[in-house]
Amino acid sequence: MTSVDFDEKKTDVIVAMKSDLGERVAFEKGVQCTGGVEFWLNNLLQMVRDTVKNVIAVQSQCFVDPDYDFIVGFQPFCGQVKE
């Protein structure tokens, strides 16, 4: 994650993360950035973990499907899931 996107209406809510290549991955729910930075930064870290975990889970479900076409089906998944 290189940067984040904020909600257009609520400027203290992070709604997505971006890679250094500009790839955007939306969070399931926004992260409120108020109060001490140590609190909301931990919440942001947890949201990143949860989001990556969910992306991996969805991908793994696709991979076990015998009808899954990897070349076509892999395109919509984010590339931020790395080792």
PDB file of N, CA and C in Angstrom:
ATOM      1  N   MET A   1       0.848  -1.164   0.000  1.00  0.00           N
ATOM      2  CA  MET A   1       0.000   0.000   0.000  1.00  0.00           C
ATOM      3  C   MET A   1       0.896   1.230   0.000  1.00  0.00           C
ATOM      4  N   THR A   2       0.644   2.086  -0.962  1.00  0.00           N
ATOM      5  CA  THR A   2       1.415   3.317  -1.086  1.00  0.00           C
ATOM      6  C   THR A   2       0.629   4.531  -0.622  1.00  0.00           C
ATOM      7  N   SER A   3      -0.671   4.516  -0.887  1.00  0.00           N
ATOM      8  CA  SER A   3      -1.516   5.644  -0.497  1.00  0.00           C
ATOM      9  C   SER A   3      -2.925   5.149  -0.215  1.00  0.00           C
ATOM     10  N   VAL A   4      -3.768   6.050   0.232  1.00  0.00           N
ATOM     11  CA  VAL A   4      -5.154   5.714   0.545  1.00  0.00           C
ATOM     12  C   VAL A   4      -6.086   6.707  -0.134  1.00  0.00           C
ATOM     13  N   ASP A   5      -7.330   6.301  -0.286  1.00  0.00           N
ATOM     14  CA  ASP A   5      -8.377   7.186  -0.790  1.00  0.00           C
ATOM     15  C   ASP A   5      -9.343   7.486   0.344  1.00  0.00           C
ATOM     16  N   PHE A   6      -9.746   8.737   0.424  1.00  0.00           N
ATOM     17  CA  PHE A   6     -10.710   9.155   1.434  1.00  0.00           C
ATOM     18  C   PHE A   6     -12.094   9.273   0.810  1.00  0.00           C
ATOM     19  N   ASP A   7     -13.103   9.121   1.645  1.00  0.00           N
ATOM     20  CA  ASP A   7     -14.489   9.320   1.227  1.00  0.00           C
ATOM     21  C   ASP A   7     -14.654  10.761   0.758  1.00  0.00           C
ATOM     22  N   GLU A   8     -15.380  10.958  -0.330  1.00  0.00           N
ATOM     23  CA  GLU A   8     -15.559  12.305  -0.873  1.00  0.00           C
ATOM     24  C   GLU A   8     -16.378  13.199   0.050  1.00  0.00           C
ATOM     25  N   LYS A   9     -17.334  12.622   0.769  1.00  0.00           N
ATOM     26  CA  LYS A   9     -18.200  13.412   1.649  1.00  0.00           C
ATOM     27  C   LYS A   9     -17.682  13.480   3.080  1.00  0.00           C
ATOM     28  N   LYS A  10     -17.085  12.401   3.538  1.00  0.00           N
ATOM     29  CA  LYS A  10     -16.531  12.344   4.898  1.00  0.00           C
ATOM     30  C   LYS A  10     -15.013  12.281   4.765  1.00  0.00           C
ATOM     31  N   THR A  11     -14.375  13.418   4.828  1.00  0.00           N
ATOM     32  CA  THR A  11     -12.941  13.494   4.532  1.00  0.00           C
ATOM     33  C   THR A  11     -12.048  12.881   5.605  1.00  0.00           C
ATOM     34  N   ASP A  12     -12.633  12.397   6.691  1.00  0.00           N
ATOM     35  CA  ASP A  12     -11.839  11.730   7.723  1.00  0.00           C
ATOM     36  C   ASP A  12     -12.058  10.215   7.715  1.00  0.00           C
ATOM     37  N   VAL A  13     -12.554   9.688   6.593  1.00  0.00           N
ATOM     38  CA  VAL A  13     -12.814   8.254   6.468  1.00  0.00           C
ATOM     39  C   VAL A  13     -12.047   7.707   5.261  1.00  0.00           C
ATOM     40  N   ILE A  14     -11.181   6.720   5.515  1.00  0.00           N
ATOM     41  CA  ILE A  14     -10.427   6.063   4.444  1.00  0.00           C
ATOM     42  C   ILE A  14     -11.287   4.938   3.885  1.00  0.00           C
ATOM     43  N   VAL A  15     -11.434   4.905   2.560  1.00  0.00           N
ATOM     44  CA  VAL A  15     -12.312   3.921   1.932  1.00  0.00           C
ATOM     45  C   VAL A  15     -11.582   2.916   1.041  1.00  0.00           C
ATOM     46  N   ALA A  16     -10.305   3.173   0.739  1.00  0.00           N
ATOM     47  CA  ALA A  16      -9.575   2.263  -0.147  1.00  0.00           C
ATOM     48  C   ALA A  16      -8.077   2.450   0.014  1.00  0.00           C
ATOM     49  N   MET A  17      -7.333   1.431  -0.411  1.00  0.00           N
ATOM     50  CA  MET A  17      -5.875   1.519  -0.442  1.00  0.00           C
ATOM     51  C   MET A  17      -5.427   1.471  -1.892  1.00  0.00           C
ATOM     52  N   LYS A  18      -4.261   2.049  -2.166  1.00  0.00           N
ATOM     53  CA  LYS A  18      -3.710   2.069  -3.523  1.00  0.00           C
ATOM     54  C   LYS A  18      -2.275   1.566  -3.500  1.00  0.00           C
ATOM     55  N   SER A  19      -1.911   0.862  -4.559  1.00  0.00           N
ATOM     56  CA  SER A  19      -0.540   0.374  -4.697  1.00  0.00           C
ATOM     57  C   SER A  19       0.317   1.445  -5.356  1.00  0.00           C
ATOM     58  N   ASP A  20       1.614   1.177  -5.418  1.00  0.00           N
ATOM     59  CA  ASP A  20       2.518   2.110  -6.087  1.00  0.00           C
ATOM     60  C   ASP A  20       2.273   2.160  -7.592  1.00  0.00           C
ATOM     61  N   LEU A  21       1.541   1.183  -8.122  1.00  0.00           N
ATOM     62  CA  LEU A  21       1.184   1.177  -9.542  1.00  0.00           C
ATOM     63  C   LEU A  21      -0.187   1.805  -9.791  1.00  0.00           C
ATOM     64  N   GLY A  22      -0.822   2.291  -8.719  1.00  0.00           N
ATOM     65  CA  GLY A  22      -2.115   2.955  -8.858  1.00  0.00           C
ATOM     66  C   GLY A  22      -3.319   2.042  -8.750  1.00  0.00           C
ATOM     67  N   GLU A  23      -3.085   0.767  -8.485  1.00  0.00           N
ATOM     68  CA  GLU A  23      -4.204  -0.157  -8.338  1.00  0.00           C
ATOM     69  C   GLU A  23      -4.960   0.167  -7.053  1.00  0.00           C
ATOM     70  N   ARG A  24      -6.277   0.257  -7.151  1.00  0.00           N
ATOM     71  CA  ARG A  24      -7.126   0.640  -6.021  1.00  0.00           C
ATOM     72  C   ARG A  24      -7.917  -0.571  -5.543  1.00  0.00           C
ATOM     73  N   VAL A  25      -7.895  -0.797  -4.227  1.00  0.00           N
ATOM     74  CA  VAL A  25      -8.670  -1.872  -3.621  1.00  0.00           C
ATOM     75  C   VAL A  25      -9.538  -1.242  -2.539  1.00  0.00           C
ATOM     76  N   ALA A  26     -10.855  -1.337  -2.735  1.00  0.00           N
ATOM     77  CA  ALA A  26     -11.799  -0.739  -1.787  1.00  0.00           C
ATOM     78  C   ALA A  26     -11.923  -1.601  -0.534  1.00  0.00           C
ATOM     79  N   PHE A  27     -12.134  -0.945   0.600  1.00  0.00           N
ATOM     80  CA  PHE A  27     -12.397  -1.640   1.854  1.00  0.00           C
ATOM     81  C   PHE A  27     -13.887  -1.945   1.951  1.00  0.00           C
ATOM     82  N   GLU A  28     -14.235  -2.977   2.720  1.00  0.00           N
ATOM     83  CA  GLU A  28     -15.643  -3.314   2.907  1.00  0.00           C
ATOM     84  C   GLU A  28     -16.375  -2.216   3.665  1.00  0.00           C
ATOM     85  N   LYS A  29     -15.680  -1.581   4.588  1.00  0.00           N
ATOM     86  CA  LYS A  29     -16.247  -0.425   5.279  1.00  0.00           C
ATOM     87  C   LYS A  29     -15.120   0.554   5.544  1.00  0.00           C
ATOM     88  N   GLY A  30     -15.473   1.813   5.687  1.00  0.00           N
ATOM     89  CA  GLY A  30     -14.473   2.850   5.863  1.00  0.00           C
ATOM     90  C   GLY A  30     -13.798   2.815   7.220  1.00  0.00           C
ATOM     91  N   VAL A  31     -12.614   3.397   7.272  1.00  0.00           N
ATOM     92  CA  VAL A  31     -11.854   3.504   8.518  1.00  0.00           C
ATOM     93  C   VAL A  31     -11.888   4.964   8.961  1.00  0.00           C
ATOM     94  N   GLN A  32     -12.461   5.196  10.132  1.00  0.00           N
ATOM     95  CA  GLN A  32     -12.581   6.542  10.694  1.00  0.00           C
ATOM     96  C   GLN A  32     -11.219   7.006  11.211  1.00  0.00           C
ATOM     97  N   CYS A  33     -10.770   8.173  10.772  1.00  0.00           N
ATOM     98  CA  CYS A  33      -9.456   8.704  11.152  1.00  0.00           C
ATOM     99  C   CYS A  33      -9.614   9.884  12.099  1.00  0.00           C
ATOM    100  N   THR A  34     -10.117   9.617  13.269  1.00  0.00           N
ATOM    101  CA  THR A  34     -10.250  10.653  14.287  1.00  0.00           C
ATOM    102  C   THR A  34      -9.625  10.142  15.575  1.00  0.00           C
ATOM    103  N   GLY A  35      -9.267  11.064  16.431  1.00  0.00           N
ATOM    104  CA  GLY A  35      -8.624  10.683  17.677  1.00  0.00           C
ATOM    105  C   GLY A  35      -7.139  10.468  17.478  1.00  0.00           C
ATOM    106  N   GLY A  36      -6.554   9.728  18.396  1.00  0.00           N
ATOM    107  CA  GLY A  36      -5.119   9.471  18.348  1.00  0.00           C
ATOM    108  C   GLY A  36      -4.725   8.640  17.141  1.00  0.00           C
ATOM    109  N   VAL A  37      -3.639   9.032  16.502  1.00  0.00           N
ATOM    110  CA  VAL A  37      -3.181   8.334  15.298  1.00  0.00           C
ATOM    111  C   VAL A  37      -2.894   6.866  15.590  1.00  0.00           C
ATOM    112  N   GLU A  38      -2.438   6.551  16.801  1.00  0.00           N
ATOM    113  CA  GLU A  38      -2.124   5.164  17.133  1.00  0.00           C
ATOM    114  C   GLU A  38      -3.369   4.283  17.118  1.00  0.00           C
ATOM    115  N   PHE A  39      -4.540   4.863  17.338  1.00  0.00           N
ATOM    116  CA  PHE A  39      -5.783   4.089  17.319  1.00  0.00           C
ATOM    117  C   PHE A  39      -6.287   3.866  15.895  1.00  0.00           C
ATOM    118  N   TRP A  40      -6.418   4.953  15.119  1.00  0.00           N
ATOM    119  CA  TRP A  40      -6.981   4.767  13.782  1.00  0.00           C
ATOM    120  C   TRP A  40      -5.993   4.101  12.840  1.00  0.00           C
ATOM    121  N   LEU A  41      -4.685   4.258  13.086  1.00  0.00           N
ATOM    122  CA  LEU A  41      -3.704   3.575  12.246  1.00  0.00           C
ATOM    123  C   LEU A  41      -3.765   2.061  12.462  1.00  0.00           C
ATOM    124  N   ASN A  42      -3.982   1.646  13.700  1.00  0.00           N
ATOM    125  CA  ASN A  42      -4.177   0.218  13.975  1.00  0.00           C
ATOM    126  C   ASN A  42      -5.456  -0.293  13.315  1.00  0.00           C
ATOM    127  N   ASN A  43      -6.512   0.522  13.328  1.00  0.00           N
ATOM    128  CA  ASN A  43      -7.755   0.138  12.649  1.00  0.00           C
ATOM    129  C   ASN A  43      -7.539   0.014  11.143  1.00  0.00           C
ATOM    130  N   LEU A  44      -6.754   0.926  10.580  1.00  0.00           N
ATOM    131  CA  LEU A  44      -6.438   0.865   9.150  1.00  0.00           C
ATOM    132  C   LEU A  44      -5.654  -0.407   8.835  1.00  0.00           C
ATOM    133  N   LEU A  45      -4.663  -0.718   9.652  1.00  0.00           N
ATOM    134  CA  LEU A  45      -3.872  -1.930   9.446  1.00  0.00           C
ATOM    135  C   LEU A  45      -4.755  -3.172   9.490  1.00  0.00           C
ATOM    136  N   GLN A  46      -5.681  -3.216  10.440  1.00  0.00           N
ATOM    137  CA  GLN A  46      -6.584  -4.362  10.536  1.00  0.00           C
ATOM    138  C   GLN A  46      -7.490  -4.451   9.310  1.00  0.00           C
ATOM    139  N   MET A  47      -7.955  -3.313   8.813  1.00  0.00           N
ATOM    140  CA  MET A  47      -8.806  -3.316   7.618  1.00  0.00           C
ATOM    141  C   MET A  47      -8.024  -3.796   6.394  1.00  0.00           C
ATOM    142  N   VAL A  48      -6.758  -3.411   6.283  1.00  0.00           N
ATOM    143  CA  VAL A  48      -5.913  -3.894   5.181  1.00  0.00           C
ATOM    144  C   VAL A  48      -5.783  -5.412   5.272  1.00  0.00           C
ATOM    145  N   ARG A  49      -5.503  -5.921   6.461  1.00  0.00           N
ATOM    146  CA  ARG A  49      -5.373  -7.370   6.653  1.00  0.00           C
ATOM    147  C   ARG A  49      -6.667  -8.089   6.281  1.00  0.00           C
ATOM    148  N   ASP A  50      -7.797  -7.582   6.782  1.00  0.00           N
ATOM    149  CA  ASP A  50      -9.089  -8.212   6.499  1.00  0.00           C
ATOM    150  C   ASP A  50      -9.400  -8.196   5.007  1.00  0.00           C
ATOM    151  N   THR A  51      -9.103  -7.091   4.354  1.00  0.00           N
ATOM    152  CA  THR A  51      -9.379  -6.965   2.923  1.00  0.00           C
ATOM    153  C   THR A  51      -8.535  -7.941   2.115  1.00  0.00           C
ATOM    154  N   VAL A  52      -7.244  -8.016   2.402  1.00  0.00           N
ATOM    155  CA  VAL A  52      -6.361  -8.942   1.685  1.00  0.00           C
ATOM    156  C   VAL A  52      -6.783 -10.384   1.957  1.00  0.00           C
ATOM    157  N   LYS A  53      -7.140 -10.682   3.196  1.00  0.00           N
ATOM    158  CA  LYS A  53      -7.605 -12.025   3.552  1.00  0.00           C
ATOM    159  C   LYS A  53      -8.854 -12.398   2.755  1.00  0.00           C
ATOM    160  N   ASN A  54      -9.783 -11.466   2.625  1.00  0.00           N
ATOM    161  CA  ASN A  54     -11.007 -11.726   1.870  1.00  0.00           C
ATOM    162  C   ASN A  54     -10.725 -11.925   0.386  1.00  0.00           C
ATOM    163  N   VAL A  55      -9.815 -11.134  -0.169  1.00  0.00           N
ATOM    164  CA  VAL A  55      -9.452 -11.292  -1.586  1.00  0.00           C
ATOM    165  C   VAL A  55      -8.836 -12.671  -1.813  1.00  0.00           C
ATOM    166  N   ILE A  56      -7.950 -13.092  -0.934  1.00  0.00           N
ATOM    167  CA  ILE A  56      -7.323 -14.412  -1.056  1.00  0.00           C
ATOM    168  C   ILE A  56      -8.371 -15.516  -0.941  1.00  0.00           C
ATOM    169  N   ALA A  57      -9.323 -15.362  -0.016  1.00  0.00           N
ATOM    170  CA  ALA A  57     -10.372 -16.370   0.164  1.00  0.00           C
ATOM    171  C   ALA A  57     -11.229 -16.509  -1.088  1.00  0.00           C
ATOM    172  N   VAL A  58     -11.606 -15.397  -1.682  1.00  0.00           N
ATOM    173  CA  VAL A  58     -12.417 -15.438  -2.906  1.00  0.00           C
ATOM    174  C   VAL A  58     -11.622 -16.067  -4.045  1.00  0.00           C
ATOM    175  N   GLN A  59     -10.346 -15.707  -4.158  1.00  0.00           N
ATOM    176  CA  GLN A  59      -9.504 -16.298  -5.205  1.00  0.00           C
ATOM    177  C   GLN A  59      -9.383 -17.804  -5.021  1.00  0.00           C
ATOM    178  N   SER A  60      -9.176 -18.241  -3.792  1.00  0.00           N
ATOM    179  CA  SER A  60      -8.992 -19.671  -3.548  1.00  0.00           C
ATOM    180  C   SER A  60     -10.257 -20.454  -3.879  1.00  0.00           C
ATOM    181  N   GLN A  61     -11.424 -19.854  -3.657  1.00  0.00           N
ATOM    182  CA  GLN A  61     -12.673 -20.520  -4.034  1.00  0.00           C
ATOM    183  C   GLN A  61     -12.765 -20.675  -5.548  1.00  0.00           C
ATOM    184  N   CYS A  62     -12.302 -19.689  -6.269  1.00  0.00           N
ATOM    185  CA  CYS A  62     -12.311 -19.764  -7.737  1.00  0.00           C
ATOM    186  C   CYS A  62     -11.372 -20.850  -8.238  1.00  0.00           C
ATOM    187  N   PHE A  63     -10.212 -20.973  -7.623  1.00  0.00           N
ATOM    188  CA  PHE A  63      -9.198 -21.910  -8.097  1.00  0.00           C
ATOM    189  C   PHE A  63      -9.628 -23.368  -7.979  1.00  0.00           C
ATOM    190  N   VAL A  64     -10.500 -23.690  -7.041  1.00  0.00           N
ATOM    191  CA  VAL A  64     -10.943 -25.077  -6.883  1.00  0.00           C
ATOM    192  C   VAL A  64     -12.101 -25.424  -7.815  1.00  0.00           C
ATOM    193  N   ASP A  65     -12.661 -24.445  -8.487  1.00  0.00           N
ATOM    194  CA  ASP A  65     -13.746 -24.673  -9.442  1.00  0.00           C
ATOM    195  C   ASP A  65     -13.153 -25.223 -10.740  1.00  0.00           C
ATOM    196  N   PRO A  66     -13.546 -26.430 -11.146  1.00  0.00           N
ATOM    197  CA  PRO A  66     -12.967 -27.014 -12.363  1.00  0.00           C
ATOM    198  C   PRO A  66     -13.296 -26.227 -13.637  1.00  0.00           C
ATOM    199  N   ASP A  67     -14.338 -25.426 -13.613  1.00  0.00           N
ATOM    200  CA  ASP A  67     -14.717 -24.627 -14.783  1.00  0.00           C
ATOM    201  C   ASP A  67     -14.061 -23.252 -14.796  1.00  0.00           C
ATOM    202  N   TYR A  68     -13.248 -22.959 -13.807  1.00  0.00           N
ATOM    203  CA  TYR A  68     -12.619 -21.641 -13.702  1.00  0.00           C
ATOM    204  C   TYR A  68     -11.539 -21.475 -14.768  1.00  0.00           C
ATOM    205  N   ASP A  69     -11.646 -20.432 -15.557  1.00  0.00           N
ATOM    206  CA  ASP A  69     -10.651 -20.111 -16.588  1.00  0.00           C
ATOM    207  C   ASP A  69      -9.697 -19.072 -15.997  1.00  0.00           C
ATOM    208  N   PHE A  70      -8.517 -19.508 -15.634  1.00  0.00           N
ATOM    209  CA  PHE A  70      -7.559 -18.642 -14.946  1.00  0.00           C
ATOM    210  C   PHE A  70      -7.236 -17.384 -15.746  1.00  0.00           C
ATOM    211  N   ILE A  71      -7.020 -17.514 -17.028  1.00  0.00           N
ATOM    212  CA  ILE A  71      -6.620 -16.375 -17.866  1.00  0.00           C
ATOM    213  C   ILE A  71      -7.689 -15.287 -17.852  1.00  0.00           C
ATOM    214  N   VAL A  72      -8.934 -15.669 -17.943  1.00  0.00           N
ATOM    215  CA  VAL A  72     -10.035 -14.704 -17.957  1.00  0.00           C
ATOM    216  C   VAL A  72     -10.403 -14.278 -16.535  1.00  0.00           C
ATOM    217  N   GLY A  73     -10.502 -15.233 -15.638  1.00  0.00           N
ATOM    218  CA  GLY A  73     -11.007 -14.978 -14.294  1.00  0.00           C
ATOM    219  C   GLY A  73     -10.058 -14.250 -13.366  1.00  0.00           C
ATOM    220  N   PHE A  74      -8.765 -14.314 -13.643  1.00  0.00           N
ATOM    221  CA  PHE A  74      -7.784 -13.704 -12.743  1.00  0.00           C
ATOM    222  C   PHE A  74      -7.719 -12.187 -12.887  1.00  0.00           C
ATOM    223  N   GLN A  75      -8.137 -11.652 -14.013  1.00  0.00           N
ATOM    224  CA  GLN A  75      -8.013 -10.222 -14.300  1.00  0.00           C
ATOM    225  C   GLN A  75      -8.643  -9.302 -13.252  1.00  0.00           C
ATOM    226  N   PRO A  76      -9.846  -9.571 -12.744  1.00  0.00           N
ATOM    227  CA  PRO A  76     -10.456  -8.611 -11.814  1.00  0.00           C
ATOM    228  C   PRO A  76      -9.840  -8.604 -10.409  1.00  0.00           C
ATOM    229  N   PHE A  77      -9.037  -9.609 -10.087  1.00  0.00           N
ATOM    230  CA  PHE A  77      -8.451  -9.655  -8.749  1.00  0.00           C
ATOM    231  C   PHE A  77      -7.274  -8.696  -8.636  1.00  0.00           C
ATOM    232  N   CYS A  78      -7.111  -8.156  -7.453  1.00  0.00           N
ATOM    233  CA  CYS A  78      -6.034  -7.189  -7.244  1.00  0.00           C
ATOM    234  C   CYS A  78      -4.676  -7.880  -7.241  1.00  0.00           C
ATOM    235  N   GLY A  79      -3.664  -7.144  -7.619  1.00  0.00           N
ATOM    236  CA  GLY A  79      -2.302  -7.655  -7.647  1.00  0.00           C
ATOM    237  C   GLY A  79      -1.531  -7.325  -6.382  1.00  0.00           C
ATOM    238  N   GLN A  80      -2.196  -6.763  -5.386  1.00  0.00           N
ATOM    239  CA  GLN A  80      -1.513  -6.376  -4.159  1.00  0.00           C
ATOM    240  C   GLN A  80      -1.311  -7.548  -3.210  1.00  0.00           C
ATOM    241  N   VAL A  81      -1.834  -8.702  -3.564  1.00  0.00           N
ATOM    242  CA  VAL A  81      -1.645  -9.888  -2.740  1.00  0.00           C
ATOM    243  C   VAL A  81      -0.320 -10.505  -3.150  1.00  0.00           C
ATOM    244  N   LYS A  82       0.722 -10.222  -2.386  1.00  0.00           N
ATOM    245  CA  LYS A  82       2.069 -10.708  -2.690  1.00  0.00           C
ATOM    246  C   LYS A  82       2.591 -11.506  -1.513  1.00  0.00           C
ATOM    247  N   GLU A  83       3.708 -12.187  -1.748  1.00  0.00           N
ATOM    248  CA  GLU A  83       4.351 -12.958  -0.680  1.00  0.00           C
ATOM    249  C   GLU A  83       4.831 -12.052   0.423  1.00  0.00           C
TER     250      GLU A  83
END
